[in-house]
């Protein structure tokens, strides 16, 4: 079911990023948006008596609110796609650790020091994405219709897209072929009604069960 959810949510997100230049802008901007958004959370009071050992920097880091947020995202990504999602989750946690260290090295010792560069980064990155939608995609951003896909799971989708383009990765065989069919339907047809959506989910469930049955017989 998790992978079926991945396919459906991925197709929804992809349907808003069909133009190559718009897609490129998002490939560049999505991860910096996530990591700079997590950075201010490091200035929250640390959780008592909890520290995280960072093997790369060989020191213990105090655990602020950013750590459970990063871990929660890592778990979500791994549930959606055990292979690529695990890799994306590791990057999120590593990004949290790197942001904590870099902020200290840059002298950003307090929220008062950090909020200005973070705000500038967020404005520039989000503006680039909105402009890409306006000039290239000529369609409103996915943020309007699907804030979860546009904000929470977008880093995973971008990570999978990069793996696919560089190494031909697919979460499941035929994943991108099915996604493309969904994207075409979303772009060219009206949104499904509630009964149609329920019927589609039931078909997906039956198809998945049939695939698992065939796999069990082959094994």
N, C-alpha and C. Protein backbone atom coordinates (compact mmCIF):
# COMPACT_ATOMS: atom_id res chain seq x y z
N UNK A 1 0.82 -1.21 0.00
CA UNK A 1 0.00 0.00 0.00
C UNK A 1 0.86 1.26 0.00
N UNK A 2 2.01 1.21 0.72
CA UNK A 2 2.87 2.39 0.77
C UNK A 2 3.38 2.74 -0.61
N UNK A 3 3.77 1.71 -1.38
CA UNK A 3 4.30 2.00 -2.70
C UNK A 3 3.20 2.50 -3.64
N UNK A 4 1.97 1.97 -3.48
CA UNK A 4 0.87 2.49 -4.28
C UNK A 4 0.63 3.95 -3.95
N UNK A 5 0.73 4.30 -2.69
CA UNK A 5 0.61 5.70 -2.30
C UNK A 5 1.73 6.52 -2.92
N UNK A 6 2.92 6.00 -2.93
CA UNK A 6 4.04 6.69 -3.55
C UNK A 6 3.73 6.98 -5.01
N UNK A 7 3.25 5.97 -5.72
CA UNK A 7 2.96 6.13 -7.14
C UNK A 7 1.92 7.22 -7.38
N UNK A 8 0.87 7.20 -6.59
CA UNK A 8 -0.20 8.17 -6.77
C UNK A 8 0.27 9.59 -6.43
N UNK A 9 0.94 9.74 -5.30
CA UNK A 9 1.41 11.06 -4.89
C UNK A 9 2.52 11.56 -5.83
N UNK A 10 3.37 10.65 -6.26
CA UNK A 10 4.44 11.05 -7.18
C UNK A 10 3.85 11.56 -8.48
N UNK A 11 2.83 10.86 -9.00
CA UNK A 11 2.20 11.28 -10.25
C UNK A 11 1.54 12.65 -10.10
N UNK A 12 0.90 12.86 -8.96
CA UNK A 12 0.28 14.17 -8.72
C UNK A 12 1.33 15.26 -8.76
N UNK A 13 2.44 15.04 -8.06
CA UNK A 13 3.51 16.04 -8.04
C UNK A 13 4.12 16.22 -9.43
N UNK A 14 4.35 15.12 -10.12
CA UNK A 14 4.97 15.19 -11.45
C UNK A 14 4.08 15.91 -12.45
N UNK A 15 2.77 15.84 -12.27
CA UNK A 15 1.86 16.49 -13.22
C UNK A 15 2.00 18.01 -13.19
N UNK A 16 2.60 18.55 -12.15
CA UNK A 16 2.83 19.99 -12.04
C UNK A 16 4.25 20.37 -12.48
N UNK A 17 5.03 19.38 -12.90
CA UNK A 17 6.43 19.65 -13.25
C UNK A 17 6.79 18.87 -14.51
N UNK A 18 6.09 19.18 -15.60
CA UNK A 18 6.33 18.48 -16.86
C UNK A 18 7.30 19.22 -17.77
N UNK A 19 7.44 20.52 -17.58
CA UNK A 19 8.38 21.28 -18.41
C UNK A 19 9.80 21.07 -17.89
N UNK A 20 10.75 20.76 -18.78
CA UNK A 20 12.13 20.45 -18.33
C UNK A 20 12.76 21.54 -17.48
N UNK A 21 12.56 22.81 -17.85
CA UNK A 21 13.19 23.89 -17.08
C UNK A 21 12.53 24.07 -15.72
N UNK A 22 11.23 23.91 -15.66
CA UNK A 22 10.55 23.97 -14.37
C UNK A 22 11.01 22.83 -13.48
N UNK A 23 11.13 21.64 -14.07
CA UNK A 23 11.62 20.49 -13.30
C UNK A 23 13.04 20.74 -12.80
N UNK A 24 13.90 21.31 -13.66
CA UNK A 24 15.28 21.59 -13.26
C UNK A 24 15.33 22.56 -12.08
N UNK A 25 14.52 23.60 -12.13
CA UNK A 25 14.49 24.57 -11.03
C UNK A 25 14.12 23.88 -9.73
N UNK A 26 13.16 22.97 -9.79
CA UNK A 26 12.74 22.28 -8.57
C UNK A 26 13.80 21.27 -8.10
N UNK A 27 14.48 20.65 -9.04
CA UNK A 27 15.56 19.74 -8.65
C UNK A 27 16.64 20.50 -7.88
N UNK A 28 16.85 21.76 -8.24
CA UNK A 28 17.87 22.57 -7.59
C UNK A 28 17.38 23.13 -6.25
N UNK A 29 16.12 23.53 -6.19
CA UNK A 29 15.63 24.31 -5.05
C UNK A 29 15.02 23.51 -3.91
N UNK A 30 14.45 22.35 -4.19
CA UNK A 30 13.64 21.65 -3.18
C UNK A 30 14.44 21.29 -1.94
N UNK A 31 15.60 20.67 -2.13
CA UNK A 31 16.37 20.25 -0.95
C UNK A 31 16.91 21.43 -0.14
N UNK A 32 17.44 22.50 -0.77
CA UNK A 32 17.83 23.65 0.03
C UNK A 32 16.67 24.28 0.81
N UNK A 33 15.46 24.25 0.23
CA UNK A 33 14.30 24.76 0.96
C UNK A 33 14.08 23.94 2.23
N UNK A 34 14.13 22.62 2.10
CA UNK A 34 13.93 21.76 3.27
C UNK A 34 14.98 22.00 4.34
N UNK A 35 16.24 22.00 3.93
CA UNK A 35 17.32 22.08 4.92
C UNK A 35 17.40 23.44 5.59
N UNK A 36 17.14 24.51 4.83
CA UNK A 36 17.14 25.83 5.47
C UNK A 36 15.91 26.03 6.35
N UNK A 37 14.83 25.31 6.05
CA UNK A 37 13.64 25.39 6.91
C UNK A 37 13.87 24.69 8.24
N UNK A 38 14.66 23.61 8.21
CA UNK A 38 14.95 22.88 9.45
C UNK A 38 15.94 23.65 10.33
N UNK A 39 16.82 24.43 9.71
CA UNK A 39 17.90 25.09 10.45
C UNK A 39 17.43 25.91 11.64
N UNK A 40 16.40 26.76 11.52
CA UNK A 40 16.00 27.57 12.69
C UNK A 40 15.54 26.74 13.88
N UNK A 41 15.14 25.49 13.63
CA UNK A 41 14.67 24.66 14.74
C UNK A 41 15.80 24.30 15.70
N UNK A 42 17.05 24.46 15.25
CA UNK A 42 18.17 24.14 16.14
C UNK A 42 18.27 25.12 17.30
N UNK A 43 17.59 26.25 17.19
CA UNK A 43 17.67 27.26 18.25
C UNK A 43 16.58 27.07 19.30
N UNK A 44 15.74 26.05 19.11
CA UNK A 44 14.78 25.70 20.17
C UNK A 44 15.55 25.10 21.34
N UNK A 45 15.01 25.17 22.54
CA UNK A 45 15.71 24.58 23.69
C UNK A 45 16.00 23.10 23.45
N UNK A 46 17.21 22.64 23.75
CA UNK A 46 17.54 21.23 23.53
C UNK A 46 16.73 20.31 24.42
N UNK A 47 16.45 19.13 23.90
CA UNK A 47 15.76 18.13 24.71
C UNK A 47 16.69 17.68 25.83
N UNK A 48 16.21 17.58 27.04
CA UNK A 48 17.09 17.31 28.20
C UNK A 48 17.79 15.97 28.09
N UNK A 49 19.10 16.01 28.35
CA UNK A 49 19.93 14.81 28.47
C UNK A 49 19.98 13.96 27.19
N UNK A 50 19.66 14.55 26.08
CA UNK A 50 19.70 13.80 24.83
C UNK A 50 20.72 14.44 23.90
N UNK A 51 21.61 13.60 23.36
CA UNK A 51 22.59 14.07 22.40
C UNK A 51 22.71 13.05 21.28
N UNK A 52 23.08 13.55 20.11
CA UNK A 52 23.23 12.70 18.93
C UNK A 52 24.69 12.66 18.54
N UNK A 53 25.25 11.45 18.43
CA UNK A 53 26.65 11.33 18.03
C UNK A 53 26.75 11.35 16.52
N UNK A 54 27.49 12.29 15.99
CA UNK A 54 27.68 12.43 14.55
C UNK A 54 28.99 11.76 14.16
N UNK A 55 28.96 10.60 13.48
CA UNK A 55 30.20 9.90 13.13
C UNK A 55 31.12 10.72 12.23
N UNK A 56 30.54 11.51 11.32
CA UNK A 56 31.37 12.27 10.38
C UNK A 56 32.13 13.39 11.08
N UNK A 57 31.46 14.08 12.01
CA UNK A 57 32.14 15.18 12.70
C UNK A 57 32.77 14.74 14.01
N UNK A 58 32.52 13.48 14.40
CA UNK A 58 33.13 12.88 15.59
C UNK A 58 32.88 13.70 16.85
N UNK A 59 31.66 14.08 17.03
CA UNK A 59 31.29 14.78 18.25
C UNK A 59 29.79 14.62 18.50
N UNK A 60 29.39 14.90 19.72
CA UNK A 60 27.97 14.81 20.09
C UNK A 60 27.31 16.16 19.82
N UNK A 61 26.13 16.10 19.24
CA UNK A 61 25.37 17.30 18.95
C UNK A 61 24.14 17.35 19.86
N UNK A 62 23.82 18.50 20.41
CA UNK A 62 22.60 18.60 21.21
C UNK A 62 21.37 18.40 20.32
N UNK A 63 20.40 17.72 20.84
CA UNK A 63 19.19 17.42 20.07
C UNK A 63 18.14 18.49 20.33
N UNK A 64 17.92 19.33 19.33
CA UNK A 64 16.82 20.29 19.40
C UNK A 64 15.65 19.78 18.56
N UNK A 65 14.68 20.63 18.35
CA UNK A 65 13.46 20.24 17.65
C UNK A 65 13.74 19.77 16.23
N UNK A 66 14.81 20.28 15.62
CA UNK A 66 15.12 19.88 14.26
C UNK A 66 15.41 18.40 14.10
N UNK A 67 15.95 17.78 15.14
CA UNK A 67 16.30 16.36 15.04
C UNK A 67 15.07 15.47 14.91
N UNK A 68 14.06 15.56 15.81
CA UNK A 68 12.88 14.72 15.62
C UNK A 68 12.13 15.02 14.32
N UNK A 69 12.18 16.27 13.85
CA UNK A 69 11.55 16.57 12.56
C UNK A 69 12.28 15.84 11.44
N UNK A 70 13.62 15.88 11.46
CA UNK A 70 14.40 15.20 10.43
C UNK A 70 14.19 13.69 10.48
N UNK A 71 14.16 13.13 11.68
CA UNK A 71 13.95 11.68 11.82
C UNK A 71 12.55 11.29 11.36
N UNK A 72 11.55 12.10 11.67
CA UNK A 72 10.19 11.81 11.23
C UNK A 72 10.09 11.78 9.71
N UNK A 73 10.74 12.74 9.06
CA UNK A 73 10.75 12.75 7.60
C UNK A 73 11.47 11.52 7.06
N UNK A 74 12.58 11.16 7.71
CA UNK A 74 13.34 9.98 7.27
C UNK A 74 12.49 8.72 7.35
N UNK A 75 11.73 8.57 8.42
CA UNK A 75 10.86 7.40 8.57
C UNK A 75 9.76 7.41 7.51
N UNK A 76 9.15 8.57 7.28
CA UNK A 76 8.10 8.67 6.26
C UNK A 76 8.63 8.28 4.89
N UNK A 77 9.81 8.79 4.53
CA UNK A 77 10.38 8.48 3.22
C UNK A 77 10.69 7.00 3.09
N UNK A 78 11.22 6.40 4.16
CA UNK A 78 11.53 4.97 4.11
C UNK A 78 10.27 4.12 3.98
N UNK A 79 9.18 4.56 4.58
CA UNK A 79 7.92 3.83 4.45
C UNK A 79 7.36 3.93 3.04
N UNK A 80 7.55 5.07 2.40
CA UNK A 80 7.03 5.26 1.05
C UNK A 80 7.84 4.50 0.02
N UNK A 81 9.16 4.45 0.21
CA UNK A 81 10.03 3.70 -0.70
C UNK A 81 11.23 3.21 0.12
N UNK A 82 11.24 1.92 0.50
CA UNK A 82 12.29 1.42 1.40
C UNK A 82 13.71 1.65 0.90
N UNK A 83 13.93 1.68 -0.39
CA UNK A 83 15.30 1.85 -0.89
C UNK A 83 15.68 3.33 -1.04
N UNK A 84 15.06 4.01 -1.98
CA UNK A 84 15.39 5.42 -2.18
C UNK A 84 14.98 6.25 -0.97
N UNK A 85 13.88 5.88 -0.32
CA UNK A 85 13.43 6.62 0.84
C UNK A 85 14.41 6.57 1.99
N UNK A 86 15.05 5.42 2.17
CA UNK A 86 16.07 5.31 3.22
C UNK A 86 17.25 6.23 2.91
N UNK A 87 17.67 6.25 1.65
CA UNK A 87 18.76 7.14 1.26
C UNK A 87 18.40 8.60 1.46
N UNK A 88 17.18 8.97 1.07
CA UNK A 88 16.73 10.35 1.26
C UNK A 88 16.65 10.69 2.75
N UNK A 89 16.21 9.73 3.56
CA UNK A 89 16.14 9.96 5.00
C UNK A 89 17.50 10.20 5.61
N UNK A 90 18.48 9.43 5.17
CA UNK A 90 19.85 9.63 5.66
C UNK A 90 20.33 11.04 5.30
N UNK A 91 20.01 11.50 4.10
CA UNK A 91 20.42 12.84 3.68
C UNK A 91 19.75 13.92 4.54
N UNK A 92 18.49 13.69 4.91
CA UNK A 92 17.80 14.68 5.74
C UNK A 92 18.48 14.80 7.10
N UNK A 93 18.76 13.66 7.73
CA UNK A 93 19.40 13.68 9.05
C UNK A 93 20.82 14.25 8.93
N UNK A 94 21.54 13.86 7.87
CA UNK A 94 22.88 14.40 7.66
C UNK A 94 22.82 15.91 7.41
N UNK A 95 21.80 16.35 6.69
CA UNK A 95 21.63 17.78 6.45
C UNK A 95 21.36 18.54 7.73
N UNK A 96 20.57 17.93 8.62
CA UNK A 96 20.33 18.56 9.92
C UNK A 96 21.65 18.70 10.68
N UNK A 97 22.45 17.64 10.71
CA UNK A 97 23.72 17.68 11.44
C UNK A 97 24.68 18.69 10.82
N UNK A 98 24.76 18.69 9.49
CA UNK A 98 25.65 19.63 8.81
C UNK A 98 25.20 21.07 9.04
N UNK A 99 23.89 21.30 9.00
CA UNK A 99 23.39 22.65 9.24
C UNK A 99 23.72 23.14 10.63
N UNK A 100 23.63 22.24 11.60
CA UNK A 100 23.97 22.60 12.98
C UNK A 100 25.43 23.03 13.08
N UNK A 101 26.32 22.26 12.47
CA UNK A 101 27.75 22.57 12.53
C UNK A 101 28.10 23.82 11.74
N UNK A 102 27.53 23.94 10.53
CA UNK A 102 27.83 25.10 9.69
C UNK A 102 27.32 26.39 10.31
N UNK A 103 26.17 26.32 10.96
CA UNK A 103 25.64 27.51 11.62
C UNK A 103 26.58 27.98 12.71
N UNK A 104 27.14 27.04 13.46
CA UNK A 104 28.10 27.41 14.51
C UNK A 104 29.37 27.98 13.90
N UNK A 105 29.86 27.34 12.82
CA UNK A 105 31.08 27.82 12.17
C UNK A 105 30.90 29.22 11.58
N UNK A 106 29.67 29.51 11.12
CA UNK A 106 29.39 30.81 10.52
C UNK A 106 29.08 31.88 11.57
N UNK A 107 29.09 31.49 12.84
CA UNK A 107 28.83 32.45 13.90
C UNK A 107 27.37 32.74 14.13
N UNK A 108 26.49 31.85 13.63
CA UNK A 108 25.05 32.03 13.85
C UNK A 108 24.67 31.35 15.16
N UNK A 109 24.98 32.04 16.25
CA UNK A 109 24.83 31.41 17.57
C UNK A 109 23.42 31.51 18.12
N UNK A 110 22.59 32.37 17.55
CA UNK A 110 21.24 32.55 18.07
C UNK A 110 20.26 32.67 16.91
N UNK A 111 18.98 32.56 17.25
CA UNK A 111 17.94 32.72 16.23
C UNK A 111 17.99 34.11 15.61
N UNK A 112 18.36 35.10 16.42
CA UNK A 112 18.46 36.47 15.91
C UNK A 112 19.52 36.58 14.83
N UNK A 113 20.57 35.74 14.92
CA UNK A 113 21.61 35.74 13.89
C UNK A 113 21.18 34.98 12.64
N UNK A 114 20.37 33.95 12.81
CA UNK A 114 20.11 33.00 11.72
C UNK A 114 18.88 33.33 10.90
N UNK A 115 17.89 33.99 11.46
CA UNK A 115 16.61 34.09 10.75
C UNK A 115 16.71 34.90 9.47
N UNK A 116 17.61 35.89 9.42
CA UNK A 116 17.71 36.72 8.22
C UNK A 116 18.25 35.94 7.02
N UNK A 117 19.41 35.24 7.13
CA UNK A 117 19.85 34.46 5.97
C UNK A 117 18.89 33.34 5.60
N UNK A 118 18.24 32.75 6.60
CA UNK A 118 17.25 31.70 6.30
C UNK A 118 16.07 32.29 5.54
N UNK A 119 15.59 33.45 5.97
CA UNK A 119 14.47 34.09 5.29
C UNK A 119 14.83 34.46 3.85
N UNK A 120 16.03 35.00 3.66
CA UNK A 120 16.46 35.35 2.30
C UNK A 120 16.51 34.11 1.42
N UNK A 121 17.07 33.03 1.95
CA UNK A 121 17.15 31.79 1.17
C UNK A 121 15.77 31.28 0.81
N UNK A 122 14.84 31.29 1.77
CA UNK A 122 13.49 30.81 1.50
C UNK A 122 12.79 31.68 0.45
N UNK A 123 12.94 32.99 0.54
CA UNK A 123 12.29 33.88 -0.43
C UNK A 123 12.85 33.65 -1.83
N UNK A 124 14.18 33.55 -1.94
CA UNK A 124 14.80 33.35 -3.25
C UNK A 124 14.40 32.01 -3.85
N UNK A 125 14.46 30.95 -3.05
CA UNK A 125 14.18 29.61 -3.57
C UNK A 125 12.72 29.44 -3.94
N UNK A 126 11.82 29.89 -3.08
CA UNK A 126 10.39 29.79 -3.40
C UNK A 126 10.03 30.67 -4.59
N UNK A 127 10.62 31.86 -4.67
CA UNK A 127 10.34 32.75 -5.80
C UNK A 127 10.79 32.11 -7.11
N UNK A 128 11.95 31.47 -7.09
CA UNK A 128 12.43 30.79 -8.29
C UNK A 128 11.44 29.72 -8.75
N UNK A 129 10.89 28.98 -7.80
CA UNK A 129 9.94 27.93 -8.16
C UNK A 129 8.63 28.52 -8.69
N UNK A 130 8.13 29.56 -8.04
CA UNK A 130 6.89 30.19 -8.51
C UNK A 130 7.06 30.78 -9.91
N UNK A 131 8.20 31.43 -10.15
CA UNK A 131 8.45 32.00 -11.47
C UNK A 131 8.58 30.90 -12.53
N UNK A 132 9.20 29.79 -12.15
CA UNK A 132 9.32 28.67 -13.10
C UNK A 132 7.95 28.13 -13.48
N UNK A 133 7.05 28.06 -12.50
CA UNK A 133 5.68 27.62 -12.80
C UNK A 133 4.99 28.63 -13.72
N UNK A 134 5.19 29.91 -13.47
CA UNK A 134 4.49 30.93 -14.24
C UNK A 134 5.01 31.01 -15.68
N UNK A 135 6.33 30.96 -15.86
CA UNK A 135 6.90 31.18 -17.18
C UNK A 135 7.07 29.90 -18.00
N UNK A 136 7.36 28.80 -17.35
CA UNK A 136 7.63 27.56 -18.07
C UNK A 136 6.43 26.60 -18.05
N UNK A 137 5.97 26.30 -16.86
CA UNK A 137 4.86 25.33 -16.74
C UNK A 137 3.52 25.96 -17.12
N UNK A 138 3.44 27.29 -16.86
CA UNK A 138 2.20 28.02 -17.12
C UNK A 138 1.02 27.35 -16.40
N UNK A 139 1.28 27.01 -15.17
CA UNK A 139 0.26 26.37 -14.33
C UNK A 139 0.58 26.72 -12.89
N UNK A 140 -0.45 26.85 -12.08
CA UNK A 140 -0.21 27.20 -10.68
C UNK A 140 0.58 26.08 -9.99
N UNK A 141 1.34 26.41 -8.95
CA UNK A 141 2.18 25.41 -8.28
C UNK A 141 1.37 24.31 -7.61
N UNK A 142 2.01 23.18 -7.40
CA UNK A 142 1.37 22.07 -6.69
C UNK A 142 1.03 22.45 -5.26
N UNK A 143 1.73 23.45 -4.73
CA UNK A 143 1.49 23.90 -3.36
C UNK A 143 0.03 24.28 -3.14
N UNK A 144 -0.61 24.81 -4.18
CA UNK A 144 -2.00 25.27 -4.06
C UNK A 144 -2.96 24.09 -3.88
N UNK A 145 -2.75 23.03 -4.65
CA UNK A 145 -3.68 21.90 -4.65
C UNK A 145 -3.24 20.74 -3.77
N UNK A 146 -1.95 20.64 -3.52
CA UNK A 146 -1.45 19.52 -2.72
C UNK A 146 -0.28 19.94 -1.87
N UNK A 147 -0.52 20.65 -0.77
CA UNK A 147 0.59 21.14 0.06
C UNK A 147 1.47 20.04 0.63
N UNK A 148 0.90 18.87 0.90
CA UNK A 148 1.71 17.77 1.44
C UNK A 148 2.73 17.33 0.41
N UNK A 149 2.27 17.09 -0.84
CA UNK A 149 3.20 16.67 -1.89
C UNK A 149 4.22 17.76 -2.19
N UNK A 150 3.79 19.02 -2.12
CA UNK A 150 4.66 20.13 -2.51
C UNK A 150 5.71 20.45 -1.46
N UNK A 151 5.44 20.15 -0.20
CA UNK A 151 6.35 20.55 0.87
C UNK A 151 6.98 19.34 1.56
N UNK A 152 6.16 18.43 2.05
CA UNK A 152 6.66 17.35 2.90
C UNK A 152 7.35 16.26 2.10
N UNK A 153 6.71 15.80 1.02
CA UNK A 153 7.26 14.65 0.28
C UNK A 153 8.02 15.05 -0.98
N UNK A 154 8.03 16.33 -1.34
CA UNK A 154 8.75 16.75 -2.54
C UNK A 154 10.23 16.37 -2.52
N UNK A 155 10.95 16.48 -1.39
CA UNK A 155 12.36 16.07 -1.41
C UNK A 155 12.55 14.60 -1.80
N UNK A 156 11.65 13.73 -1.36
CA UNK A 156 11.75 12.33 -1.76
C UNK A 156 11.51 12.18 -3.25
N UNK A 157 10.52 12.88 -3.79
CA UNK A 157 10.23 12.78 -5.22
C UNK A 157 11.41 13.27 -6.05
N UNK A 158 12.03 14.36 -5.62
CA UNK A 158 13.20 14.89 -6.32
C UNK A 158 14.35 13.89 -6.26
N UNK A 159 14.55 13.28 -5.11
CA UNK A 159 15.61 12.29 -4.94
C UNK A 159 15.40 11.10 -5.87
N UNK A 160 14.16 10.61 -5.95
CA UNK A 160 13.85 9.49 -6.84
C UNK A 160 14.06 9.90 -8.29
N UNK A 161 13.65 11.11 -8.63
CA UNK A 161 13.82 11.60 -10.01
C UNK A 161 15.29 11.63 -10.41
N UNK A 162 16.14 12.12 -9.51
CA UNK A 162 17.57 12.17 -9.80
C UNK A 162 18.14 10.76 -9.95
N UNK A 163 17.77 9.85 -9.06
CA UNK A 163 18.24 8.46 -9.17
C UNK A 163 17.78 7.82 -10.48
N UNK A 164 16.57 8.13 -10.87
CA UNK A 164 16.05 7.56 -12.12
C UNK A 164 16.82 8.08 -13.33
N UNK A 165 17.09 9.36 -13.35
CA UNK A 165 17.78 9.96 -14.49
C UNK A 165 19.25 9.56 -14.55
N UNK A 166 19.87 9.37 -13.40
CA UNK A 166 21.29 9.02 -13.38
C UNK A 166 21.53 7.52 -13.51
N UNK A 167 20.68 6.72 -12.87
CA UNK A 167 20.94 5.28 -12.78
C UNK A 167 19.79 4.41 -13.26
N UNK A 168 18.71 5.03 -13.74
CA UNK A 168 17.57 4.25 -14.18
C UNK A 168 16.78 3.62 -13.05
N UNK A 169 16.88 4.18 -11.85
CA UNK A 169 16.21 3.60 -10.69
C UNK A 169 14.69 3.70 -10.81
N UNK A 170 14.00 2.67 -10.36
CA UNK A 170 12.55 2.67 -10.23
C UNK A 170 12.17 1.99 -8.92
N UNK A 171 11.26 2.58 -8.15
CA UNK A 171 10.83 1.94 -6.90
C UNK A 171 10.26 0.55 -7.13
N UNK A 172 9.52 0.37 -8.22
CA UNK A 172 8.99 -0.93 -8.63
C UNK A 172 9.10 -1.02 -10.14
N UNK A 173 9.16 -2.22 -10.70
CA UNK A 173 9.23 -2.35 -12.16
C UNK A 173 8.06 -1.65 -12.85
N UNK A 174 8.36 -0.85 -13.85
CA UNK A 174 7.33 -0.14 -14.58
C UNK A 174 6.76 1.07 -13.87
N UNK A 175 7.42 1.49 -12.80
CA UNK A 175 6.90 2.60 -11.99
C UNK A 175 6.71 3.87 -12.82
N UNK A 176 7.73 4.27 -13.56
CA UNK A 176 7.65 5.54 -14.28
C UNK A 176 6.72 5.46 -15.48
N UNK A 177 6.55 4.29 -16.04
CA UNK A 177 5.58 4.13 -17.12
C UNK A 177 4.17 4.36 -16.59
N UNK A 178 3.89 3.78 -15.42
CA UNK A 178 2.57 3.98 -14.82
C UNK A 178 2.38 5.42 -14.36
N UNK A 179 3.45 6.01 -13.84
CA UNK A 179 3.37 7.41 -13.41
C UNK A 179 3.06 8.31 -14.60
N UNK A 180 3.72 8.06 -15.73
CA UNK A 180 3.48 8.88 -16.91
C UNK A 180 2.04 8.78 -17.38
N UNK A 181 1.47 7.58 -17.29
CA UNK A 181 0.06 7.40 -17.66
C UNK A 181 -0.84 8.20 -16.72
N UNK A 182 -0.51 8.18 -15.45
CA UNK A 182 -1.29 8.95 -14.48
C UNK A 182 -1.14 10.45 -14.74
N UNK A 183 0.08 10.88 -15.05
CA UNK A 183 0.32 12.30 -15.32
C UNK A 183 -0.50 12.75 -16.53
N UNK A 184 -0.51 11.94 -17.57
CA UNK A 184 -1.29 12.28 -18.76
C UNK A 184 -2.77 12.40 -18.43
N UNK A 185 -3.26 11.49 -17.60
CA UNK A 185 -4.67 11.54 -17.21
C UNK A 185 -4.97 12.79 -16.37
N UNK A 186 -4.04 13.13 -15.48
CA UNK A 186 -4.24 14.30 -14.63
C UNK A 186 -4.17 15.59 -15.43
N UNK A 187 -3.29 15.62 -16.43
CA UNK A 187 -3.13 16.83 -17.23
C UNK A 187 -4.25 17.02 -18.24
N UNK A 188 -4.77 15.91 -18.77
CA UNK A 188 -5.71 15.98 -19.88
C UNK A 188 -7.16 15.73 -19.50
N UNK A 189 -7.38 15.10 -18.35
CA UNK A 189 -8.74 14.76 -17.97
C UNK A 189 -9.17 15.48 -16.71
N UNK A 190 -10.47 15.47 -16.42
CA UNK A 190 -10.96 16.10 -15.19
C UNK A 190 -10.55 15.30 -13.98
N UNK A 191 -10.45 15.91 -12.83
CA UNK A 191 -10.10 15.16 -11.62
C UNK A 191 -11.17 14.13 -11.32
N UNK A 192 -10.78 12.95 -10.82
CA UNK A 192 -11.76 11.90 -10.56
C UNK A 192 -12.70 12.28 -9.43
N UNK A 193 -13.93 11.83 -9.54
CA UNK A 193 -14.89 12.03 -8.46
C UNK A 193 -14.56 11.07 -7.32
N UNK A 194 -15.21 11.26 -6.17
CA UNK A 194 -14.93 10.41 -5.02
C UNK A 194 -15.19 8.94 -5.31
N UNK A 195 -16.33 8.57 -5.95
CA UNK A 195 -16.54 7.14 -6.27
C UNK A 195 -15.50 6.60 -7.24
N UNK A 196 -15.11 7.42 -8.24
CA UNK A 196 -14.10 6.98 -9.20
C UNK A 196 -12.76 6.77 -8.50
N UNK A 197 -12.44 7.66 -7.58
CA UNK A 197 -11.18 7.53 -6.85
C UNK A 197 -11.18 6.26 -6.00
N UNK A 198 -12.33 5.98 -5.36
CA UNK A 198 -12.44 4.78 -4.54
C UNK A 198 -12.31 3.54 -5.41
N UNK A 199 -12.94 3.57 -6.59
CA UNK A 199 -12.85 2.43 -7.51
C UNK A 199 -11.42 2.23 -7.99
N UNK A 200 -10.73 3.32 -8.26
CA UNK A 200 -9.34 3.24 -8.70
C UNK A 200 -8.46 2.64 -7.61
N UNK A 201 -8.67 3.05 -6.37
CA UNK A 201 -7.88 2.51 -5.27
C UNK A 201 -8.14 1.01 -5.10
N UNK A 202 -9.40 0.59 -5.30
CA UNK A 202 -9.73 -0.82 -5.19
C UNK A 202 -9.04 -1.62 -6.30
N UNK A 203 -9.00 -1.07 -7.52
CA UNK A 203 -8.31 -1.73 -8.61
C UNK A 203 -6.82 -1.85 -8.32
N UNK A 204 -6.25 -0.80 -7.75
CA UNK A 204 -4.83 -0.83 -7.40
C UNK A 204 -4.56 -1.91 -6.36
N UNK A 205 -5.45 -2.01 -5.38
CA UNK A 205 -5.27 -3.01 -4.33
C UNK A 205 -5.33 -4.41 -4.91
N UNK A 206 -6.28 -4.66 -5.80
CA UNK A 206 -6.42 -5.98 -6.42
C UNK A 206 -5.23 -6.29 -7.32
N UNK A 207 -4.74 -5.26 -8.05
CA UNK A 207 -3.58 -5.46 -8.92
C UNK A 207 -2.35 -5.80 -8.10
N UNK A 208 -2.17 -5.10 -6.98
CA UNK A 208 -1.03 -5.37 -6.11
C UNK A 208 -1.10 -6.77 -5.53
N UNK A 209 -2.31 -7.18 -5.12
CA UNK A 209 -2.48 -8.53 -4.57
C UNK A 209 -2.17 -9.59 -5.62
N UNK A 210 -2.57 -9.33 -6.87
CA UNK A 210 -2.28 -10.28 -7.94
C UNK A 210 -0.79 -10.38 -8.20
N UNK A 211 -0.08 -9.23 -8.18
CA UNK A 211 1.37 -9.24 -8.38
C UNK A 211 2.07 -10.02 -7.28
N UNK A 212 1.62 -9.82 -6.04
CA UNK A 212 2.24 -10.53 -4.92
C UNK A 212 1.97 -12.02 -5.01
N UNK A 213 0.78 -12.38 -5.48
CA UNK A 213 0.44 -13.80 -5.64
C UNK A 213 1.33 -14.46 -6.67
N UNK A 214 1.55 -13.77 -7.80
CA UNK A 214 2.43 -14.30 -8.85
C UNK A 214 3.86 -14.42 -8.34
N UNK A 215 4.30 -13.40 -7.57
CA UNK A 215 5.66 -13.44 -7.03
C UNK A 215 5.83 -14.61 -6.07
N UNK A 216 4.80 -14.88 -5.25
CA UNK A 216 4.88 -16.00 -4.31
C UNK A 216 4.96 -17.33 -5.05
N UNK A 217 4.21 -17.46 -6.15
CA UNK A 217 4.24 -18.70 -6.92
C UNK A 217 5.60 -18.91 -7.57
N UNK A 218 6.19 -17.81 -8.08
CA UNK A 218 7.50 -17.91 -8.74
C UNK A 218 8.58 -18.29 -7.75
N UNK A 219 8.43 -17.81 -6.49
CA UNK A 219 9.45 -18.12 -5.48
C UNK A 219 9.27 -19.54 -4.95
